[in-house]
Amino acid sequence: MNASEIRALAAEVLAGIAPEADLASVGDNEDLREALDLDSMDFMNFVVGLHQKTGHAIPEADVPKLYTLAGLVAYFAAG
């Protein structure tokens, strides 16, 4: 997946969890949880949604790598 595909996927998953959240307004290094006002359950639903859409296992230890758009893109681009 390339960066734009990963961002589109993240926006799609996020729309199902927090439809009012605007991923386009978030900077690459901003904490998604704070920028989009996601509580811990919403963020975990986001992670689960990413897993379901990609089939990519996301171990709990890797979840902090997904806190920013830059981290999320790097994580999924790496395969």
C-alpha atoms as a PDB file:
ATOM      1  CA  MET A   1       0.000   0.000   0.000  1.00  0.00           C
ATOM      2  CA  ASN A   2       1.187   3.513  -0.707  1.00  0.00           C
ATOM      3  CA  ALA A   3       0.721   6.539   1.546  1.00  0.00           C
ATOM      4  CA  SER A   4      -2.435   7.829  -0.158  1.00  0.00           C
ATOM      5  CA  GLU A   5      -4.075   4.380  -0.033  1.00  0.00           C
ATOM      6  CA  ILE A   6      -3.231   4.069   3.659  1.00  0.00           C
ATOM      7  CA  ARG A   7      -4.653   7.524   4.402  1.00  0.00           C
ATOM      8  CA  ALA A   8      -7.829   6.703   2.456  1.00  0.00           C
ATOM      9  CA  LEU A   9      -8.178   3.446   4.370  1.00  0.00           C
ATOM     10  CA  ALA A  10      -7.711   5.238   7.687  1.00  0.00           C
ATOM     11  CA  ALA A  11     -10.347   7.826   6.711  1.00  0.00           C
ATOM     12  CA  GLU A  12     -12.765   5.070   5.702  1.00  0.00           C
ATOM     13  CA  VAL A  13     -12.331   3.171   8.974  1.00  0.00           C
ATOM     14  CA  LEU A  14     -12.544   6.367  10.990  1.00  0.00           C
ATOM     15  CA  ALA A  15     -15.786   7.378   9.249  1.00  0.00           C
ATOM     16  CA  GLY A  16     -17.436   4.269  10.658  1.00  0.00           C
ATOM     17  CA  ILE A  17     -16.318   5.086  14.206  1.00  0.00           C
ATOM     18  CA  ALA A  18     -16.418   8.873  14.405  1.00  0.00           C
ATOM     19  CA  PRO A  19     -18.182  10.262  11.317  1.00  0.00           C
ATOM     20  CA  GLU A  20     -17.673  13.839  12.475  1.00  0.00           C
ATOM     21  CA  ALA A  21     -13.876  13.413  12.638  1.00  0.00           C
ATOM     22  CA  ASP A  22     -11.970  15.118   9.823  1.00  0.00           C
ATOM     23  CA  LEU A  23      -8.757  13.206   9.181  1.00  0.00           C
ATOM     24  CA  ALA A  24      -7.720  15.773   6.553  1.00  0.00           C
ATOM     25  CA  SER A  25      -7.406  18.389   9.304  1.00  0.00           C
ATOM     26  CA  VAL A  26      -4.843  16.354  11.241  1.00  0.00           C
ATOM     27  CA  GLY A  27      -1.128  16.954  10.798  1.00  0.00           C
ATOM     28  CA  ASP A  28       1.176  14.040  10.089  1.00  0.00           C
ATOM     29  CA  ASN A  29       2.727  14.108  13.565  1.00  0.00           C
ATOM     30  CA  GLU A  30      -0.331  15.024  15.609  1.00  0.00           C
ATOM     31  CA  ASP A  31      -1.704  12.442  18.003  1.00  0.00           C
ATOM     32  CA  LEU A  32      -4.855  11.155  16.312  1.00  0.00           C
ATOM     33  CA  ARG A  33      -6.514  10.473  19.654  1.00  0.00           C
ATOM     34  CA  GLU A  34      -6.187  14.078  20.776  1.00  0.00           C
ATOM     35  CA  ALA A  35      -6.687  15.761  17.395  1.00  0.00           C
ATOM     36  CA  LEU A  36      -9.887  13.829  16.687  1.00  0.00           C
ATOM     37  CA  ASP A  37     -11.094  13.572  20.294  1.00  0.00           C
ATOM     38  CA  LEU A  38     -11.088   9.751  20.231  1.00  0.00           C
ATOM     39  CA  ASP A  39     -11.411   7.996  23.542  1.00  0.00           C
ATOM     40  CA  SER A  40      -9.508   4.767  24.172  1.00  0.00           C
ATOM     41  CA  MET A  41     -12.403   2.584  23.026  1.00  0.00           C
ATOM     42  CA  ASP A  42     -12.846   4.556  19.795  1.00  0.00           C
ATOM     43  CA  PHE A  43      -9.132   4.286  19.076  1.00  0.00           C
ATOM     44  CA  MET A  44      -9.120   0.538  19.710  1.00  0.00           C
ATOM     45  CA  ASN A  45     -12.128   0.201  17.375  1.00  0.00           C
ATOM     46  CA  PHE A  46     -10.089   2.135  14.819  1.00  0.00           C
ATOM     47  CA  VAL A  47      -7.181  -0.303  15.214  1.00  0.00           C
ATOM     48  CA  VAL A  48      -9.525  -3.299  14.943  1.00  0.00           C
ATOM     49  CA  GLY A  49     -11.092  -1.765  11.831  1.00  0.00           C
ATOM     50  CA  LEU A  50      -7.657  -1.324  10.256  1.00  0.00           C
ATOM     51  CA  HIS A  51      -6.900  -4.960  11.011  1.00  0.00           C
ATOM     52  CA  GLN A  52     -10.197  -6.120   9.512  1.00  0.00           C
ATOM     53  CA  LYS A  53      -9.757  -4.072   6.322  1.00  0.00           C
ATOM     54  CA  THR A  54      -6.115  -5.044   5.767  1.00  0.00           C
ATOM     55  CA  GLY A  55      -5.881  -8.510   7.297  1.00  0.00           C
ATOM     56  CA  HIS A  56      -2.658  -7.251   8.884  1.00  0.00           C
ATOM     57  CA  ALA A  57      -2.266  -8.440  12.475  1.00  0.00           C
ATOM     58  CA  ILE A  58      -1.589  -5.514  14.802  1.00  0.00           C
ATOM     59  CA  PRO A  59      -0.041  -6.717  18.060  1.00  0.00           C
ATOM     60  CA  GLU A  60      -0.877  -4.646  21.143  1.00  0.00           C
ATOM     61  CA  ALA A  61       2.783  -3.629  21.407  1.00  0.00           C
ATOM     62  CA  ASP A  62       2.519  -1.998  17.958  1.00  0.00           C
ATOM     63  CA  VAL A  63      -0.567   0.113  18.712  1.00  0.00           C
ATOM     64  CA  PRO A  64       1.480   3.183  19.798  1.00  0.00           C
ATOM     65  CA  LYS A  65       3.024   3.222  16.309  1.00  0.00           C
ATOM     66  CA  LEU A  66      -0.444   4.103  14.985  1.00  0.00           C
ATOM     67  CA  TYR A  67      -0.967   7.197  17.145  1.00  0.00           C
ATOM     68  CA  THR A  68       0.024   9.558  14.314  1.00  0.00           C
ATOM     69  CA  LEU A  69      -0.698   9.600  10.593  1.00  0.00           C
ATOM     70  CA  ALA A  70       3.039   9.451   9.878  1.00  0.00           C
ATOM     71  CA  GLY A  71       3.371   6.406  12.120  1.00  0.00           C
ATOM     72  CA  LEU A  72       0.305   4.745  10.651  1.00  0.00           C
ATOM     73  CA  VAL A  73       1.549   5.252   7.089  1.00  0.00           C
ATOM     74  CA  ALA A  74       5.028   3.970   7.964  1.00  0.00           C
ATOM     75  CA  TYR A  75       3.586   0.936   9.759  1.00  0.00           C
ATOM     76  CA  PHE A  76       1.365  -0.213   6.905  1.00  0.00           C
ATOM     77  CA  ALA A  77       3.771   0.782   4.130  1.00  0.00           C
ATOM     78  CA  ALA A  78       6.378  -1.500   5.698  1.00  0.00           C
ATOM     79  CA  GLY A  79       4.039  -4.408   5.137  1.00  0.00           C
END
